[in-house]
Amino acid sequence: MATRVSEHEVQQAIGGLLRLGVIVAAAVTALGGAVLLIQHGGDPVAHRTFRGEPPALESIVSIVRGALTFNGEAIAQLGLLLLIATPVARVAFTLVAFALQRDRKYVVITSIVLSLLVYALAFGKA
């Protein structure tokens, strides 16, 4: 027989998840910024020219590959992805909590919200 999870325990776990997500994302982004400054801090800057993201930073797989090769831009971008993933992880965690509490109505609602978030992140265009 499974033990029921209290609302307080769920809220405490969600708070911890959000704190951890933001701290990890901030640390990775700061590391990426530091590496980027070390690698390109002395490069000349053209303020009149706008440069968008290079193609190597447009997909999650290429961002992770770049971060593993210690590319500063990719590490900073990974930190931003982790920051975006934090509230998505919260929704996924909440889905599990509702399932453990056997709250079918909120399992359905949260599943729809999570599906929309994942769809938007995977297939949405800016």
C-alpha atoms as a PDB file:
ATOM      1  CA  MET A   1       0.000   0.000   0.000  1.00  0.00           C
ATOM      2  CA  ALA A   2       1.511   3.301  -1.103  1.00  0.00           C
ATOM      3  CA  THR A   3       1.684   6.186   1.350  1.00  0.00           C
ATOM      4  CA  ARG A   4      -0.063   9.384   0.332  1.00  0.00           C
ATOM      5  CA  VAL A   5       2.010  12.478  -0.218  1.00  0.00           C
ATOM      6  CA  SER A   6       0.852  15.530   1.720  1.00  0.00           C
ATOM      7  CA  GLU A   7       0.318  18.906   0.068  1.00  0.00           C
ATOM      8  CA  HIS A   8       3.045  20.411   2.283  1.00  0.00           C
ATOM      9  CA  GLU A   9       5.569  17.786   1.184  1.00  0.00           C
ATOM     10  CA  VAL A  10       4.734  18.444  -2.469  1.00  0.00           C
ATOM     11  CA  GLN A  11       5.128  22.203  -2.024  1.00  0.00           C
ATOM     12  CA  GLN A  12       8.459  21.745  -0.222  1.00  0.00           C
ATOM     13  CA  ALA A  13       9.761  19.452  -2.957  1.00  0.00           C
ATOM     14  CA  ILE A  14       8.628  21.853  -5.707  1.00  0.00           C
ATOM     15  CA  GLY A  15      10.313  24.754  -3.931  1.00  0.00           C
ATOM     16  CA  GLY A  16      13.538  22.770  -3.672  1.00  0.00           C
ATOM     17  CA  LEU A  17      13.328  21.764  -7.338  1.00  0.00           C
ATOM     18  CA  LEU A  18      12.869  25.377  -8.455  1.00  0.00           C
ATOM     19  CA  ARG A  19      15.715  26.615  -6.241  1.00  0.00           C
ATOM     20  CA  LEU A  20      18.063  23.908  -7.478  1.00  0.00           C
ATOM     21  CA  GLY A  21      17.122  24.549 -11.105  1.00  0.00           C
ATOM     22  CA  VAL A  22      17.775  28.277 -10.863  1.00  0.00           C
ATOM     23  CA  ILE A  23      21.061  27.808  -8.987  1.00  0.00           C
ATOM     24  CA  VAL A  24      22.373  25.230 -11.474  1.00  0.00           C
ATOM     25  CA  ALA A  25      21.244  27.344 -14.446  1.00  0.00           C
ATOM     26  CA  ALA A  26      22.896  30.455 -12.999  1.00  0.00           C
ATOM     27  CA  ALA A  27      26.139  28.586 -12.288  1.00  0.00           C
ATOM     28  CA  VAL A  28      26.292  27.088 -15.801  1.00  0.00           C
ATOM     29  CA  THR A  29      25.479  30.465 -17.400  1.00  0.00           C
ATOM     30  CA  ALA A  30      28.139  32.205 -15.296  1.00  0.00           C
ATOM     31  CA  LEU A  31      30.680  29.532 -16.225  1.00  0.00           C
ATOM     32  CA  GLY A  32      29.776  30.002 -19.892  1.00  0.00           C
ATOM     33  CA  GLY A  33      30.189  33.760 -19.561  1.00  0.00           C
ATOM     34  CA  ALA A  34      33.586  33.350 -17.920  1.00  0.00           C
ATOM     35  CA  VAL A  35      34.773  30.889 -20.570  1.00  0.00           C
ATOM     36  CA  LEU A  36      33.441  33.190 -23.286  1.00  0.00           C
ATOM     37  CA  LEU A  37      35.372  36.133 -21.837  1.00  0.00           C
ATOM     38  CA  ILE A  38      38.532  34.060 -21.587  1.00  0.00           C
ATOM     39  CA  GLN A  39      38.167  32.823 -25.165  1.00  0.00           C
ATOM     40  CA  HIS A  40      36.927  36.032 -26.819  1.00  0.00           C
ATOM     41  CA  GLY A  41      37.355  38.860 -24.309  1.00  0.00           C
ATOM     42  CA  GLY A  42      39.892  40.650 -26.479  1.00  0.00           C
ATOM     43  CA  ASP A  43      38.030  40.323 -29.778  1.00  0.00           C
ATOM     44  CA  PRO A  44      37.042  43.594 -31.454  1.00  0.00           C
ATOM     45  CA  VAL A  45      33.337  44.432 -31.205  1.00  0.00           C
ATOM     46  CA  ALA A  46      31.262  45.724 -34.141  1.00  0.00           C
ATOM     47  CA  HIS A  47      28.347  47.522 -32.472  1.00  0.00           C
ATOM     48  CA  ARG A  48      26.761  48.460 -35.801  1.00  0.00           C
ATOM     49  CA  THR A  49      26.375  44.845 -36.899  1.00  0.00           C
ATOM     50  CA  PHE A  50      23.801  42.509 -35.383  1.00  0.00           C
ATOM     51  CA  ARG A  51      24.859  38.897 -35.258  1.00  0.00           C
ATOM     52  CA  GLY A  52      22.175  36.323 -34.472  1.00  0.00           C
ATOM     53  CA  GLU A  53      22.838  32.947 -32.982  1.00  0.00           C
ATOM     54  CA  PRO A  54      25.124  30.771 -35.081  1.00  0.00           C
ATOM     55  CA  PRO A  55      23.529  27.588 -36.447  1.00  0.00           C
ATOM     56  CA  ALA A  56      25.610  25.551 -33.994  1.00  0.00           C
ATOM     57  CA  LEU A  57      23.526  27.008 -31.138  1.00  0.00           C
ATOM     58  CA  GLU A  58      20.072  26.463 -32.604  1.00  0.00           C
ATOM     59  CA  SER A  59      19.383  22.909 -31.419  1.00  0.00           C
ATOM     60  CA  ILE A  60      19.630  21.273 -28.031  1.00  0.00           C
ATOM     61  CA  VAL A  61      21.920  18.528 -29.337  1.00  0.00           C
ATOM     62  CA  SER A  62      24.372  20.994 -30.868  1.00  0.00           C
ATOM     63  CA  ILE A  63      24.333  23.141 -27.726  1.00  0.00           C
ATOM     64  CA  VAL A  64      25.201  20.122 -25.564  1.00  0.00           C
ATOM     65  CA  ARG A  65      27.937  19.077 -28.017  1.00  0.00           C
ATOM     66  CA  GLY A  66      29.374  22.579 -27.944  1.00  0.00           C
ATOM     67  CA  ALA A  67      29.260  22.701 -24.156  1.00  0.00           C
ATOM     68  CA  LEU A  68      31.090  19.370 -23.960  1.00  0.00           C
ATOM     69  CA  THR A  69      33.872  20.862 -26.121  1.00  0.00           C
ATOM     70  CA  PHE A  70      34.034  23.785 -23.657  1.00  0.00           C
ATOM     71  CA  ASN A  71      32.694  26.374 -26.104  1.00  0.00           C
ATOM     72  CA  GLY A  72      31.788  29.417 -23.997  1.00  0.00           C
ATOM     73  CA  GLU A  73      28.771  30.423 -26.100  1.00  0.00           C
ATOM     74  CA  ALA A  74      27.374  26.890 -25.943  1.00  0.00           C
ATOM     75  CA  ILE A  75      27.891  26.670 -22.172  1.00  0.00           C
ATOM     76  CA  ALA A  76      26.054  29.968 -21.629  1.00  0.00           C
ATOM     77  CA  GLN A  77      23.271  28.818 -23.960  1.00  0.00           C
ATOM     78  CA  LEU A  78      23.045  25.538 -22.015  1.00  0.00           C
ATOM     79  CA  GLY A  79      22.578  27.556 -18.822  1.00  0.00           C
ATOM     80  CA  LEU A  80      19.678  29.401 -20.443  1.00  0.00           C
ATOM     81  CA  LEU A  81      18.171  26.091 -21.572  1.00  0.00           C
ATOM     82  CA  LEU A  82      18.411  24.811 -18.010  1.00  0.00           C
ATOM     83  CA  LEU A  83      16.651  27.944 -16.796  1.00  0.00           C
ATOM     84  CA  ILE A  84      13.842  27.354 -19.308  1.00  0.00           C
ATOM     85  CA  ALA A  85      13.682  23.668 -18.328  1.00  0.00           C
ATOM     86  CA  THR A  86      13.213  24.467 -14.629  1.00  0.00           C
ATOM     87  CA  PRO A  87       9.506  25.415 -14.748  1.00  0.00           C
ATOM     88  CA  VAL A  88       8.871  22.603 -17.237  1.00  0.00           C
ATOM     89  CA  ALA A  89      10.409  20.186 -14.714  1.00  0.00           C
ATOM     90  CA  ARG A  90       8.116  21.710 -12.085  1.00  0.00           C
ATOM     91  CA  VAL A  91       5.064  20.866 -14.189  1.00  0.00           C
ATOM     92  CA  ALA A  92       6.363  17.306 -14.731  1.00  0.00           C
ATOM     93  CA  PHE A  93       7.012  16.930 -11.010  1.00  0.00           C
ATOM     94  CA  THR A  94       3.527  18.233 -10.231  1.00  0.00           C
ATOM     95  CA  LEU A  95       2.074  15.670 -12.631  1.00  0.00           C
ATOM     96  CA  VAL A  96       3.802  12.888 -10.688  1.00  0.00           C
ATOM     97  CA  ALA A  97       2.599  14.355  -7.380  1.00  0.00           C
ATOM     98  CA  PHE A  98      -1.000  14.494  -8.601  1.00  0.00           C
ATOM     99  CA  ALA A  99      -0.708  10.918  -9.817  1.00  0.00           C
ATOM    100  CA  LEU A 100       0.570   9.822  -6.405  1.00  0.00           C
ATOM    101  CA  GLN A 101      -2.330  11.655  -4.780  1.00  0.00           C
ATOM    102  CA  ARG A 102      -4.690   9.913  -7.226  1.00  0.00           C
ATOM    103  CA  ASP A 103      -6.194  13.233  -8.312  1.00  0.00           C
ATOM    104  CA  ARG A 104      -7.355  12.292 -11.811  1.00  0.00           C
ATOM    105  CA  LYS A 105      -8.735  15.695 -12.746  1.00  0.00           C
ATOM    106  CA  TYR A 106      -5.441  17.462 -12.092  1.00  0.00           C
ATOM    107  CA  VAL A 107      -3.461  14.644 -13.702  1.00  0.00           C
ATOM    108  CA  VAL A 108      -5.403  15.276 -16.920  1.00  0.00           C
ATOM    109  CA  ILE A 109      -5.053  19.071 -16.705  1.00  0.00           C
ATOM    110  CA  THR A 110      -1.341  18.903 -15.881  1.00  0.00           C
ATOM    111  CA  SER A 111      -0.755  16.374 -18.675  1.00  0.00           C
ATOM    112  CA  ILE A 112      -2.314  18.782 -21.157  1.00  0.00           C
ATOM    113  CA  VAL A 113      -0.199  21.683 -19.873  1.00  0.00           C
ATOM    114  CA  LEU A 114       2.984  19.583 -19.993  1.00  0.00           C
ATOM    115  CA  SER A 115       2.167  18.372 -23.508  1.00  0.00           C
ATOM    116  CA  LEU A 116       1.658  21.952 -24.695  1.00  0.00           C
ATOM    117  CA  LEU A 117       4.930  23.084 -23.108  1.00  0.00           C
ATOM    118  CA  VAL A 118       6.923  20.230 -24.611  1.00  0.00           C
ATOM    119  CA  TYR A 119       5.297  20.760 -28.017  1.00  0.00           C
ATOM    120  CA  ALA A 120       6.018  24.498 -27.947  1.00  0.00           C
ATOM    121  CA  LEU A 121       9.632  23.953 -26.918  1.00  0.00           C
ATOM    122  CA  ALA A 122      10.227  21.186 -29.453  1.00  0.00           C
ATOM    123  CA  PHE A 123       8.382  22.563 -32.465  1.00  0.00           C
ATOM    124  CA  GLY A 124       7.728  26.246 -31.776  1.00  0.00           C
ATOM    125  CA  LYS A 125       9.468  28.900 -33.827  1.00  0.00           C
ATOM    126  CA  ALA A 126      10.434  32.231 -32.381  1.00  0.00           C
END
